[in-house]
Amino acid sequence: MSHFLRLGTLADVTEMLWADGPVSALIAGGTDLLVRPERLAAARIIIDIGQIEELRGVGMDDRGRLRIGAAMTHQDIADDPVVRRAAHILGQACAQVGSFQIRNRGTLGGNLANASPAGDSIPALLCLEAAVALSARERTREVPIAEFFLGPGRTAMQVDEVIESVRIPVRRGRQVSFFEKAGQRKGMCCSKASVAFLARRHSGRRLGEVRVALGAVAPTAIRVPEAEAILEGQILTVERARAAAEACRAAARAIDDIRSTREYRRDVVGALLLQGLLPLFDRMRALERSRRSRRSRRR
């Protein structure tokens, strides 16, 4: 029989995990855990951390990075004005998680701890080069998001650690981003494939600091440096967008499962990148024409 505890502080949680971590399960929103009763049954102690104040909030840390508490829900993040300014791509991804009900229960920390290759927040966090802040009874540490996931359902987190927050370096300059996913339907779907894109827009249609990440097409979400290199420092064109899409297809290491096939995932991940890049190309070209028109009128 499991014991259910609701603790008041992060120190209480880390103390409990230090003593009973191997037989404990943490729960915040519960959207992943509650649909897997075998995981709950295996835990002797279930610890509710959803209301702990130290795991909530959005703000800047002492190093000037964006800090998002692990117990913040996807809807909290999607609606937050600070996130929209400093990490817009994460808000875009969180706004597409599941249904309205799931977004208002599921948490960012839970999405990371669950370590699903299809987790919607993860490709966005890869593009942002975030770090996962972990707390234990006698230590704290940060793990780069690219090193946090070891495989499906597996992370670098130890049994006595809890995800305290995510830390995101703030990028300067004019940023462009999008998050695209394919699923059974628009709402309440688990991604068959997803693409996150982030870049700095320089003058004209030139892109810099390009980041491309894929979800649900490999054992963990992945960056695609080949696609990034095609676009880095270049003027965005339809031809380059198509070449980057082909690089994404080549990078995919998808599997056949109940949701989709390997071939479909490989094809759709390239289409998703194009689905985001081509409208971006149109917008950037329109801005360039508008600037040229204004300059010619001044003459």
C-alpha atoms as a PDB file:
ATOM      1  CA  MET A   1       0.000   0.000   0.000  1.00  0.00           C
ATOM      2  CA  SER A   2       1.336   3.457  -0.963  1.00  0.00           C
ATOM      3  CA  HIS A   3       1.465   6.468   1.343  1.00  0.00           C
ATOM      4  CA  PHE A   4       0.517   9.824  -0.216  1.00  0.00           C
ATOM      5  CA  LEU A   5       2.337  12.895   1.127  1.00  0.00           C
ATOM      6  CA  ARG A   6       1.949  16.577   0.311  1.00  0.00           C
ATOM      7  CA  LEU A   7       5.071  18.382   1.474  1.00  0.00           C
ATOM      8  CA  GLY A   8       5.457  22.120   1.992  1.00  0.00           C
ATOM      9  CA  THR A   9       9.014  22.965   0.982  1.00  0.00           C
ATOM     10  CA  LEU A  10      11.725  21.833  -1.396  1.00  0.00           C
ATOM     11  CA  ALA A  11      13.904  20.976   1.612  1.00  0.00           C
ATOM     12  CA  ASP A  12      11.180  18.610   2.857  1.00  0.00           C
ATOM     13  CA  VAL A  13      11.115  16.877  -0.535  1.00  0.00           C
ATOM     14  CA  THR A  14      14.880  16.442  -0.822  1.00  0.00           C
ATOM     15  CA  GLU A  15      15.048  15.142   2.762  1.00  0.00           C
ATOM     16  CA  MET A  16      12.386  12.546   1.959  1.00  0.00           C
ATOM     17  CA  LEU A  17      14.131  11.530  -1.272  1.00  0.00           C
ATOM     18  CA  TRP A  18      17.451  11.191   0.570  1.00  0.00           C
ATOM     19  CA  ALA A  19      15.816   8.723   2.956  1.00  0.00           C
ATOM     20  CA  ASP A  20      13.370   6.947   0.643  1.00  0.00           C
ATOM     21  CA  GLY A  21      14.201   7.936  -2.948  1.00  0.00           C
ATOM     22  CA  PRO A  22      14.300   4.405  -4.428  1.00  0.00           C
ATOM     23  CA  VAL A  23      10.759   3.641  -3.218  1.00  0.00           C
ATOM     24  CA  SER A  24       9.272   7.103  -3.852  1.00  0.00           C
ATOM     25  CA  ALA A  25       7.444   8.660  -6.795  1.00  0.00           C
ATOM     26  CA  LEU A  26       7.038  12.400  -7.345  1.00  0.00           C
ATOM     27  CA  ILE A  27       3.787  13.765  -8.721  1.00  0.00           C
ATOM     28  CA  ALA A  28       2.927  17.319  -9.804  1.00  0.00           C
ATOM     29  CA  GLY A  29       0.247  17.507 -12.508  1.00  0.00           C
ATOM     30  CA  GLY A  30      -0.019  13.726 -12.748  1.00  0.00           C
ATOM     31  CA  THR A  31      -0.962  13.663 -16.434  1.00  0.00           C
ATOM     32  CA  ASP A  32       1.649  10.992 -17.221  1.00  0.00           C
ATOM     33  CA  LEU A  33       1.821   9.170 -13.895  1.00  0.00           C
ATOM     34  CA  LEU A  34      -1.886   8.713 -13.224  1.00  0.00           C
ATOM     35  CA  VAL A  35      -2.478   6.887 -16.505  1.00  0.00           C
ATOM     36  CA  ARG A  36       0.244   4.357 -15.594  1.00  0.00           C
ATOM     37  CA  PRO A  37      -1.038   2.669 -12.435  1.00  0.00           C
ATOM     38  CA  GLU A  38       1.822   0.157 -12.466  1.00  0.00           C
ATOM     39  CA  ARG A  39       4.279   2.983 -11.755  1.00  0.00           C
ATOM     40  CA  LEU A  40       2.178   4.204  -8.851  1.00  0.00           C
ATOM     41  CA  ALA A  41       1.762   0.681  -7.486  1.00  0.00           C
ATOM     42  CA  ALA A  42       5.543   0.202  -7.457  1.00  0.00           C
ATOM     43  CA  ALA A  43       6.041   3.256  -5.220  1.00  0.00           C
ATOM     44  CA  ARG A  44       5.772   2.941  -1.452  1.00  0.00           C
ATOM     45  CA  ILE A  45       5.593   6.716  -1.048  1.00  0.00           C
ATOM     46  CA  ILE A  46       3.933   9.169  -3.474  1.00  0.00           C
ATOM     47  CA  ILE A  47       5.030  12.769  -2.921  1.00  0.00           C
ATOM     48  CA  ASP A  48       2.900  15.634  -4.273  1.00  0.00           C
ATOM     49  CA  ILE A  49       5.205  18.525  -5.224  1.00  0.00           C
ATOM     50  CA  GLY A  50       2.797  20.525  -7.398  1.00  0.00           C
ATOM     51  CA  GLN A  51       2.159  23.308  -4.868  1.00  0.00           C
ATOM     52  CA  ILE A  52       5.700  23.876  -3.586  1.00  0.00           C
ATOM     53  CA  GLU A  53       6.448  27.575  -4.016  1.00  0.00           C
ATOM     54  CA  GLU A  54      10.162  27.073  -4.760  1.00  0.00           C
ATOM     55  CA  LEU A  55       9.217  25.007  -7.820  1.00  0.00           C
ATOM     56  CA  ARG A  56       7.022  27.724  -9.290  1.00  0.00           C
ATOM     57  CA  GLY A  57       7.465  31.141 -10.864  1.00  0.00           C
ATOM     58  CA  VAL A  58       9.108  32.734 -13.896  1.00  0.00           C
ATOM     59  CA  GLY A  59      11.884  35.304 -13.593  1.00  0.00           C
ATOM     60  CA  MET A  60      15.573  36.024 -14.079  1.00  0.00           C
ATOM     61  CA  ASP A  61      18.271  34.312 -12.026  1.00  0.00           C
ATOM     62  CA  ASP A  62      21.474  35.887 -10.687  1.00  0.00           C
ATOM     63  CA  ARG A  63      23.288  35.054 -13.936  1.00  0.00           C
ATOM     64  CA  GLY A  64      20.739  36.871 -16.093  1.00  0.00           C
ATOM     65  CA  ARG A  65      19.138  33.672 -17.350  1.00  0.00           C
ATOM     66  CA  LEU A  66      15.422  32.997 -17.574  1.00  0.00           C
ATOM     67  CA  ARG A  67      14.319  30.713 -14.728  1.00  0.00           C
ATOM     68  CA  ILE A  68      11.112  28.685 -15.100  1.00  0.00           C
ATOM     69  CA  GLY A  69      10.002  26.647 -12.101  1.00  0.00           C
ATOM     70  CA  ALA A  70       9.541  22.933 -12.690  1.00  0.00           C
ATOM     71  CA  ALA A  71       5.951  22.966 -11.361  1.00  0.00           C
ATOM     72  CA  MET A  72       4.793  25.617 -13.831  1.00  0.00           C
ATOM     73  CA  THR A  73       2.091  24.212 -16.083  1.00  0.00           C
ATOM     74  CA  HIS A  74       2.299  24.292 -19.856  1.00  0.00           C
ATOM     75  CA  GLN A  75      -0.513  26.857 -19.947  1.00  0.00           C
ATOM     76  CA  ASP A  76       1.284  29.016 -17.354  1.00  0.00           C
ATOM     77  CA  ILE A  77       4.326  29.054 -19.613  1.00  0.00           C
ATOM     78  CA  ALA A  78       2.407  29.638 -22.850  1.00  0.00           C
ATOM     79  CA  ASP A  79       0.636  32.653 -21.295  1.00  0.00           C
ATOM     80  CA  ASP A  80       3.601  34.208 -19.503  1.00  0.00           C
ATOM     81  CA  PRO A  81       4.724  37.571 -20.972  1.00  0.00           C
ATOM     82  CA  VAL A  82       8.340  37.087 -19.839  1.00  0.00           C
ATOM     83  CA  VAL A  83       8.507  33.734 -21.635  1.00  0.00           C
ATOM     84  CA  ARG A  84       6.978  35.271 -24.751  1.00  0.00           C
ATOM     85  CA  ARG A  85       9.741  37.888 -24.821  1.00  0.00           C
ATOM     86  CA  ALA A  86      12.757  35.821 -23.772  1.00  0.00           C
ATOM     87  CA  ALA A  87      11.920  32.272 -24.940  1.00  0.00           C
ATOM     88  CA  HIS A  88       9.018  32.570 -27.350  1.00  0.00           C
ATOM     89  CA  ILE A  89       9.653  29.175 -28.923  1.00  0.00           C
ATOM     90  CA  LEU A  90       9.041  27.444 -25.576  1.00  0.00           C
ATOM     91  CA  GLY A  91       5.700  29.219 -25.245  1.00  0.00           C
ATOM     92  CA  GLN A  92       4.834  28.128 -28.789  1.00  0.00           C
ATOM     93  CA  ALA A  93       5.602  24.505 -27.934  1.00  0.00           C
ATOM     94  CA  CYS A  94       3.772  24.526 -24.585  1.00  0.00           C
ATOM     95  CA  ALA A  95       0.685  26.004 -26.274  1.00  0.00           C
ATOM     96  CA  GLN A  96       0.455  22.849 -28.420  1.00  0.00           C
ATOM     97  CA  VAL A  97       0.724  20.265 -25.633  1.00  0.00           C
ATOM     98  CA  GLY A  98      -2.283  17.928 -25.515  1.00  0.00           C
ATOM     99  CA  SER A  99      -5.625  19.529 -24.691  1.00  0.00           C
ATOM    100  CA  PHE A 100      -6.596  22.603 -22.674  1.00  0.00           C
ATOM    101  CA  GLN A 101      -7.106  20.366 -19.640  1.00  0.00           C
ATOM    102  CA  ILE A 102      -3.703  18.697 -20.031  1.00  0.00           C
ATOM    103  CA  ARG A 103      -1.964  22.055 -20.477  1.00  0.00           C
ATOM    104  CA  ASN A 104      -3.495  23.285 -17.225  1.00  0.00           C
ATOM    105  CA  ARG A 105      -2.389  20.196 -15.255  1.00  0.00           C
ATOM    106  CA  GLY A 106       0.810  18.965 -16.857  1.00  0.00           C
ATOM    107  CA  THR A 107       4.059  20.631 -15.789  1.00  0.00           C
ATOM    108  CA  LEU A 108       7.340  21.444 -17.456  1.00  0.00           C
ATOM    109  CA  GLY A 109       9.253  19.362 -14.910  1.00  0.00           C
ATOM    110  CA  GLY A 110       6.968  16.412 -15.494  1.00  0.00           C
ATOM    111  CA  ASN A 111       7.488  16.644 -19.257  1.00  0.00           C
ATOM    112  CA  LEU A 112      11.248  16.442 -18.680  1.00  0.00           C
ATOM    113  CA  ALA A 113      11.173  13.710 -16.027  1.00  0.00           C
ATOM    114  CA  ASN A 114       8.903  11.551 -18.192  1.00  0.00           C
ATOM    115  CA  ALA A 115      11.616  11.674 -20.893  1.00  0.00           C
ATOM    116  CA  SER A 116       9.315  10.798 -23.766  1.00  0.00           C
ATOM    117  CA  PRO A 117      10.969  11.253 -27.176  1.00  0.00           C
ATOM    118  CA  ALA A 118       7.694  12.963 -28.162  1.00  0.00           C
ATOM    119  CA  GLY A 119       7.701  15.529 -25.318  1.00  0.00           C
ATOM    120  CA  ASP A 120       6.737  18.831 -26.946  1.00  0.00           C
ATOM    121  CA  SER A 121       8.783  21.140 -24.722  1.00  0.00           C
ATOM    122  CA  ILE A 122      12.041  19.267 -25.284  1.00  0.00           C
ATOM    123  CA  PRO A 123      12.951  20.279 -28.890  1.00  0.00           C
ATOM    124  CA  ALA A 124      12.257  23.907 -27.968  1.00  0.00           C
ATOM    125  CA  LEU A 125      14.539  23.652 -24.926  1.00  0.00           C
ATOM    126  CA  LEU A 126      17.253  22.082 -27.098  1.00  0.00           C
ATOM    127  CA  CYS A 127      17.084  25.096 -29.421  1.00  0.00           C
ATOM    128  CA  LEU A 128      17.302  27.414 -26.409  1.00  0.00           C
ATOM    129  CA  GLU A 129      20.310  25.465 -25.041  1.00  0.00           C
ATOM    130  CA  ALA A 130      18.650  25.289 -21.640  1.00  0.00           C
ATOM    131  CA  ALA A 131      19.949  23.623 -18.491  1.00  0.00           C
ATOM    132  CA  VAL A 132      17.962  21.506 -16.017  1.00  0.00           C
ATOM    133  CA  ALA A 133      18.543  22.594 -12.400  1.00  0.00           C
ATOM    134  CA  LEU A 134      18.432  19.650  -9.973  1.00  0.00           C
ATOM    135  CA  SER A 135      18.228  19.738  -6.183  1.00  0.00           C
ATOM    136  CA  ALA A 136      19.133  17.077  -3.622  1.00  0.00           C
ATOM    137  CA  ARG A 137      19.520  17.134   0.164  1.00  0.00           C
ATOM    138  CA  GLU A 138      23.148  18.231   0.178  1.00  0.00           C
ATOM    139  CA  ARG A 139      23.817  19.436  -3.350  1.00  0.00           C
ATOM    140  CA  THR A 140      22.508  21.241  -6.396  1.00  0.00           C
ATOM    141  CA  ARG A 141      23.700  20.883  -9.962  1.00  0.00           C
ATOM    142  CA  GLU A 142      22.766  21.756 -13.518  1.00  0.00           C
ATOM    143  CA  VAL A 143      22.681  19.394 -16.484  1.00  0.00           C
ATOM    144  CA  PRO A 144      22.638  20.763 -20.054  1.00  0.00           C
ATOM    145  CA  ILE A 145      19.396  19.747 -21.712  1.00  0.00           C
ATOM    146  CA  ALA A 146      21.355  17.950 -24.457  1.00  0.00           C
ATOM    147  CA  GLU A 147      22.871  15.645 -21.794  1.00  0.00           C
ATOM    148  CA  PHE A 148      19.800  15.176 -19.616  1.00  0.00           C
ATOM    149  CA  PHE A 149      18.036  12.471 -21.649  1.00  0.00           C
ATOM    150  CA  LEU A 150      19.674   9.046 -21.839  1.00  0.00           C
ATOM    151  CA  GLY A 151      16.917   7.250 -23.751  1.00  0.00           C
ATOM    152  CA  PRO A 152      13.146   6.754 -23.732  1.00  0.00           C
ATOM    153  CA  GLY A 153      11.999   7.190 -20.126  1.00  0.00           C
ATOM    154  CA  ARG A 154      15.599   7.585 -18.867  1.00  0.00           C
ATOM    155  CA  THR A 155      17.325  10.731 -17.598  1.00  0.00           C
ATOM    156  CA  ALA A 156      20.543  11.747 -15.852  1.00  0.00           C
ATOM    157  CA  MET A 157      18.581  12.529 -12.672  1.00  0.00           C
ATOM    158  CA  GLN A 158      19.545  10.540  -9.546  1.00  0.00           C
ATOM    159  CA  VAL A 159      16.936   8.933  -7.270  1.00  0.00           C
ATOM    160  CA  ASP A 160      17.490  11.567  -4.567  1.00  0.00           C
ATOM    161  CA  GLU A 161      17.123  14.537  -6.942  1.00  0.00           C
ATOM    162  CA  VAL A 162      14.155  16.650  -7.981  1.00  0.00           C
ATOM    163  CA  ILE A 163      13.921  19.029 -10.945  1.00  0.00           C
ATOM    164  CA  GLU A 164      13.881  22.508  -9.412  1.00  0.00           C
ATOM    165  CA  SER A 165      13.719  24.626 -12.578  1.00  0.00           C
ATOM    166  CA  VAL A 166      14.894  25.130 -16.127  1.00  0.00           C
ATOM    167  CA  ARG A 167      17.471  27.853 -16.826  1.00  0.00           C
ATOM    168  CA  ILE A 168      17.586  29.469 -20.270  1.00  0.00           C
ATOM    169  CA  PRO A 169      20.258  31.869 -21.588  1.00  0.00           C
ATOM    170  CA  VAL A 170      18.599  34.990 -22.975  1.00  0.00           C
ATOM    171  CA  ARG A 171      19.361  35.526 -26.649  1.00  0.00           C
ATOM    172  CA  ARG A 172      19.785  39.072 -27.927  1.00  0.00           C
ATOM    173  CA  GLY A 173      18.687  40.575 -31.208  1.00  0.00           C
ATOM    174  CA  ARG A 174      15.657  39.904 -33.390  1.00  0.00           C
ATOM    175  CA  GLN A 175      14.666  36.270 -32.982  1.00  0.00           C
ATOM    176  CA  VAL A 176      12.499  34.188 -35.284  1.00  0.00           C
ATOM    177  CA  SER A 177      11.103  30.850 -34.179  1.00  0.00           C
ATOM    178  CA  PHE A 178       8.422  28.250 -34.732  1.00  0.00           C
ATOM    179  CA  PHE A 179       7.299  24.891 -33.391  1.00  0.00           C
ATOM    180  CA  GLU A 180       5.453  22.480 -35.676  1.00  0.00           C
ATOM    181  CA  LYS A 181       4.106  19.029 -34.855  1.00  0.00           C
ATOM    182  CA  ALA A 182       2.202  16.261 -36.604  1.00  0.00           C
ATOM    183  CA  GLY A 183      -0.306  14.095 -34.780  1.00  0.00           C
ATOM    184  CA  GLN A 184      -3.540  12.225 -35.207  1.00  0.00           C
ATOM    185  CA  ARG A 185      -5.442  15.495 -34.910  1.00  0.00           C
ATOM    186  CA  LYS A 186      -4.834  19.130 -33.939  1.00  0.00           C
ATOM    187  CA  GLY A 187      -5.731  18.795 -30.253  1.00  0.00           C
ATOM    188  CA  MET A 188      -5.170  16.096 -27.633  1.00  0.00           C
ATOM    189  CA  CYS A 189      -2.500  14.314 -29.646  1.00  0.00           C
ATOM    190  CA  CYS A 190       0.899  12.896 -28.864  1.00  0.00           C
ATOM    191  CA  SER A 191       3.387  14.017 -31.497  1.00  0.00           C
ATOM    192  CA  LYS A 192       4.224  11.634 -34.316  1.00  0.00           C
ATOM    193  CA  ALA A 193       7.002  14.070 -35.198  1.00  0.00           C
ATOM    194  CA  SER A 194       7.864  17.637 -34.252  1.00  0.00           C
ATOM    195  CA  VAL A 195      10.279  20.383 -35.302  1.00  0.00           C
ATOM    196  CA  ALA A 196      11.531  23.384 -33.346  1.00  0.00           C
ATOM    197  CA  PHE A 197      13.385  26.193 -35.123  1.00  0.00           C
ATOM    198  CA  LEU A 198      15.140  29.232 -33.661  1.00  0.00           C
ATOM    199  CA  ALA A 199      17.412  31.795 -35.308  1.00  0.00           C
ATOM    200  CA  ARG A 200      18.550  35.381 -35.095  1.00  0.00           C
ATOM    201  CA  ARG A 201      17.387  37.531 -37.992  1.00  0.00           C
ATOM    202  CA  HIS A 202      20.082  39.787 -39.388  1.00  0.00           C
ATOM    203  CA  SER A 203      19.623  42.439 -42.058  1.00  0.00           C
ATOM    204  CA  GLY A 204      17.705  41.317 -45.083  1.00  0.00           C
ATOM    205  CA  ARG A 205      16.848  37.625 -45.006  1.00  0.00           C
ATOM    206  CA  ARG A 206      20.107  36.449 -43.452  1.00  0.00           C
ATOM    207  CA  LEU A 207      19.912  34.054 -40.475  1.00  0.00           C
ATOM    208  CA  GLY A 208      22.401  33.507 -37.664  1.00  0.00           C
ATOM    209  CA  GLU A 209      22.693  31.348 -34.547  1.00  0.00           C
ATOM    210  CA  VAL A 210      20.396  28.806 -36.218  1.00  0.00           C
ATOM    211  CA  ARG A 211      19.047  25.963 -34.090  1.00  0.00           C
ATOM    212  CA  VAL A 212      16.940  23.072 -35.418  1.00  0.00           C
ATOM    213  CA  ALA A 213      15.658  20.266 -33.178  1.00  0.00           C
ATOM    214  CA  LEU A 214      13.407  17.271 -33.820  1.00  0.00           C
ATOM    215  CA  GLY A 215      11.104  15.322 -31.536  1.00  0.00           C
ATOM    216  CA  ALA A 216       9.627  11.809 -31.759  1.00  0.00           C
ATOM    217  CA  VAL A 217      11.989  10.657 -34.532  1.00  0.00           C
ATOM    218  CA  ALA A 218      14.833   9.228 -32.394  1.00  0.00           C
ATOM    219  CA  PRO A 219      15.261   7.669 -28.925  1.00  0.00           C
ATOM    220  CA  THR A 220      15.552  11.228 -27.589  1.00  0.00           C
ATOM    221  CA  ALA A 221      14.870  14.642 -29.098  1.00  0.00           C
ATOM    222  CA  ILE A 222      17.844  15.679 -31.244  1.00  0.00           C
ATOM    223  CA  ARG A 223      19.532  18.726 -32.724  1.00  0.00           C
ATOM    224  CA  VAL A 224      20.278  18.634 -36.460  1.00  0.00           C
ATOM    225  CA  PRO A 225      23.629  20.395 -37.005  1.00  0.00           C
ATOM    226  CA  GLU A 226      23.568  19.521 -40.724  1.00  0.00           C
ATOM    227  CA  ALA A 227      20.346  21.509 -41.210  1.00  0.00           C
ATOM    228  CA  GLU A 228      21.679  24.336 -39.056  1.00  0.00           C
ATOM    229  CA  ALA A 229      24.867  24.572 -41.146  1.00  0.00           C
ATOM    230  CA  ILE A 230      22.866  24.875 -44.375  1.00  0.00           C
ATOM    231  CA  LEU A 231      21.042  27.950 -43.040  1.00  0.00           C
ATOM    232  CA  GLU A 232      23.712  29.514 -40.799  1.00  0.00           C
ATOM    233  CA  GLY A 233      24.843  32.935 -42.024  1.00  0.00           C
ATOM    234  CA  GLN A 234      22.877  32.533 -45.244  1.00  0.00           C
ATOM    235  CA  ILE A 235      20.032  34.420 -46.858  1.00  0.00           C
ATOM    236  CA  LEU A 236      16.918  32.285 -46.473  1.00  0.00           C
ATOM    237  CA  THR A 237      15.757  30.953 -49.834  1.00  0.00           C
ATOM    238  CA  VAL A 238      13.317  28.259 -50.854  1.00  0.00           C
ATOM    239  CA  GLU A 239      16.213  26.123 -52.107  1.00  0.00           C
ATOM    240  CA  ARG A 240      18.066  26.333 -48.793  1.00  0.00           C
ATOM    241  CA  ALA A 241      14.863  25.596 -46.886  1.00  0.00           C
ATOM    242  CA  ARG A 242      14.389  22.437 -48.951  1.00  0.00           C
ATOM    243  CA  ALA A 243      17.999  21.381 -48.399  1.00  0.00           C
ATOM    244  CA  ALA A 244      17.594  21.842 -44.640  1.00  0.00           C
ATOM    245  CA  ALA A 245      14.392  19.797 -44.747  1.00  0.00           C
ATOM    246  CA  GLU A 246      16.245  16.977 -46.495  1.00  0.00           C
ATOM    247  CA  ALA A 247      18.938  17.115 -43.794  1.00  0.00           C
ATOM    248  CA  CYS A 248      16.215  16.655 -41.174  1.00  0.00           C
ATOM    249  CA  ARG A 249      14.871  13.612 -43.016  1.00  0.00           C
ATOM    250  CA  ALA A 250      18.353  12.122 -43.138  1.00  0.00           C
ATOM    251  CA  ALA A 251      18.916  12.754 -39.417  1.00  0.00           C
ATOM    252  CA  ALA A 252      15.697  11.063 -38.293  1.00  0.00           C
ATOM    253  CA  ARG A 253      16.154   7.671 -36.604  1.00  0.00           C
ATOM    254  CA  ALA A 254      12.482   6.897 -36.265  1.00  0.00           C
ATOM    255  CA  ILE A 255      10.761   3.614 -35.414  1.00  0.00           C
ATOM    256  CA  ASP A 256       7.466   1.949 -36.228  1.00  0.00           C
ATOM    257  CA  ASP A 257       5.057   2.057 -33.299  1.00  0.00           C
ATOM    258  CA  ILE A 258       1.360   2.300 -32.498  1.00  0.00           C
ATOM    259  CA  ARG A 259       1.217   5.963 -33.535  1.00  0.00           C
ATOM    260  CA  SER A 260       3.066   5.948 -36.839  1.00  0.00           C
ATOM    261  CA  THR A 261       5.625   4.363 -39.157  1.00  0.00           C
ATOM    262  CA  ARG A 262       9.315   5.009 -39.627  1.00  0.00           C
ATOM    263  CA  GLU A 263       8.826   6.150 -43.230  1.00  0.00           C
ATOM    264  CA  TYR A 264       6.012   8.555 -42.399  1.00  0.00           C
ATOM    265  CA  ARG A 265       7.996  10.171 -39.606  1.00  0.00           C
ATOM    266  CA  ARG A 266      11.040  10.671 -41.835  1.00  0.00           C
ATOM    267  CA  ASP A 267       8.936  12.270 -44.547  1.00  0.00           C
ATOM    268  CA  VAL A 268       6.807  14.435 -42.291  1.00  0.00           C
ATOM    269  CA  VAL A 269       9.689  15.863 -40.271  1.00  0.00           C
ATOM    270  CA  GLY A 270      11.078  17.490 -43.413  1.00  0.00           C
ATOM    271  CA  ALA A 271       7.629  18.729 -44.363  1.00  0.00           C
ATOM    272  CA  LEU A 272       7.214  20.261 -40.903  1.00  0.00           C
ATOM    273  CA  LEU A 273      10.433  22.251 -41.272  1.00  0.00           C
ATOM    274  CA  LEU A 274       9.254  23.542 -44.646  1.00  0.00           C
ATOM    275  CA  GLN A 275       5.843  24.305 -43.151  1.00  0.00           C
ATOM    276  CA  GLY A 276       7.552  26.715 -40.788  1.00  0.00           C
ATOM    277  CA  LEU A 277      10.345  28.032 -43.016  1.00  0.00           C
ATOM    278  CA  LEU A 278       8.348  28.923 -46.133  1.00  0.00           C
ATOM    279  CA  PRO A 279       5.975  31.369 -44.363  1.00  0.00           C
ATOM    280  CA  LEU A 280       9.050  32.790 -42.615  1.00  0.00           C
ATOM    281  CA  PHE A 281      10.674  33.270 -46.029  1.00  0.00           C
ATOM    282  CA  ASP A 282       7.553  35.113 -47.248  1.00  0.00           C
ATOM    283  CA  ARG A 283       7.475  37.387 -44.181  1.00  0.00           C
ATOM    284  CA  MET A 284      11.166  38.227 -44.386  1.00  0.00           C
ATOM    285  CA  ARG A 285      10.927  38.939 -48.116  1.00  0.00           C
ATOM    286  CA  ALA A 286       7.914  41.207 -47.530  1.00  0.00           C
ATOM    287  CA  LEU A 287       9.816  43.119 -44.829  1.00  0.00           C
ATOM    288  CA  GLU A 288      12.779  43.520 -47.152  1.00  0.00           C
ATOM    289  CA  ARG A 289      10.559  44.890 -49.933  1.00  0.00           C
ATOM    290  CA  SER A 290       8.873  47.263 -47.483  1.00  0.00           C
ATOM    291  CA  ARG A 291      12.224  48.661 -46.344  1.00  0.00           C
ATOM    292  CA  ARG A 292      13.370  49.141 -49.938  1.00  0.00           C
ATOM    293  CA  SER A 293      10.121  50.929 -50.748  1.00  0.00           C
ATOM    294  CA  ARG A 294      10.523  53.305 -47.802  1.00  0.00           C
ATOM    295  CA  ARG A 295      14.118  54.082 -48.772  1.00  0.00           C
ATOM    296  CA  SER A 296      13.135  54.833 -52.371  1.00  0.00           C
ATOM    297  CA  ARG A 297      10.357  57.202 -51.232  1.00  0.00           C
ATOM    298  CA  ARG A 298      12.823  59.146 -49.063  1.00  0.00           C
ATOM    299  CA  ARG A 299      14.973  59.784 -52.116  1.00  0.00           C
END
